[in-house]
Amino acid sequence: MVSPARPVSDGAGPAPLRRPGRERKVTIGDVAARANVSKSAVSFVFNGRPGVGEAARERILAAARELDWRPDARARALSRSRAQALGLVIRRAPELLSNDPFFPQFVAGVESGSSDGGYALVLQVVPDRAAEKRAYERFAHESRVDGVFLTDMRLDDERVGELDRLWLPHVVVGPAAASDEPAGTIGLDDAAGVRRAVRHLSALGHRRIAHVAGVPGYVHSEVRRQAWEQELVALGLAPGPVVEGDFTGAAGARATHELLDRSDPPTAIVFANDLMAIAGMSAAADRGVRVPSDLSVVGYDDIPLAPYVQPSLTTVRQDVVEWGRACALALIATVEGREPDRVALPAAEFVVRGSTGPVPADRAPLGRPADDQPTGR
């Protein structure tokens, strides 16, 4: 994208004033003149090619910032030598990543869309923020990939700005319901599925509906938590307790025990993903709490295991494979200088199964094993 022009000079003095109506766009030649280098050197820097010294490179980047100039995406796509690869950097602990069924499905969709366009996927798993930043810098400076996917968006995420400064094309993968989502976000309406779950439980007579949230700081965790709270308020119900988790089974079990230990335990729990929900049902069973007779449970994602646990899991289904494919096609269009097609992903679907039922009219308080029920496996 070419930014609005600013007056430029030949570097020898102040930029000359221009008459109204005679403004022109800043060009690569203006940047080269300001940095005292050739136009080829500017092109090399912004296409990630070697051959320009560090001092000259810094002058070129400074000149581009001062003149508010960036290369035209279409011209750049035509002129640069592409790596024919797309990058995905995942910053998660290995134990969390291995337990999350989202990414295998998403990567399958990305691979499908990428291979159709003649691109390969370069995947990197990093342990922390510093390693993630270095990965993006290597991608850009060494031309390892033509663009990247941004997943696991965080509140006050700085990565979009960093990638803009690296001139690295990107597509943001995130909840479409986020109020402050960056431009170019491709996602589903997470909030709609959670609101539907709360309405379903309310219709069954539940009034104490708790929530086990996802990793704090993630946008999709916050979107789902807010949807749960806002729908309860809209129904005239006081928001039940919320416990933070991390999308793992261990966190789901731990949160369920915490909720059932309360003096006023919930009659229903909405979990931020299926893995925590399934572990929560197991934790409830260990205490003699029956699902759904004593406790209704709702998950999110509809993982392949969800229909086969006992009882089968009521959940929110989203087409993650198609989501990944749509993101790949949009990113390919961007790096090739084309306008991405309008994305119309299937809406999230609420799937009612055996883990939800009417609130019991008369039962013993939850959280204490019944005398005639086993207390362990």
Foldseek 3Di string as FASTA:
>chain_A
DFDFWDFADQCPDDGDDDDPPPGDTDDLVRLCSNLVHDSVLLLCLLLLHDDDDPSSSVSSLVSCVVGVGDDALQVNLVPHDALLEEEEEAADDPVLVVQDPLVVLLVLLQCVQSVVVSHYYDYHYDHDDVVVLVVLLCCLNNNNHQAYEAEQDFVVDCVVVSCVSSNHHYAYEDAPPQPPDDPRYFYAPLLVQLLVVLVVQVVLPWQAEEEEFADPGGRLRVSNVVSQCVSCVVVVGHYHYYHYAHPACVRLLVVLLVQQQDPQHGQEYEYAADNSQLSSCVSQQLQQQDFNQRHAYEHEAPPVCQVPDVFRHWYKHFNSSNSSSLRNQCRVCSNNSHHRDDDDGDHIDTGDTRRHHHHDPDDDRGSHRDPPHHNHD
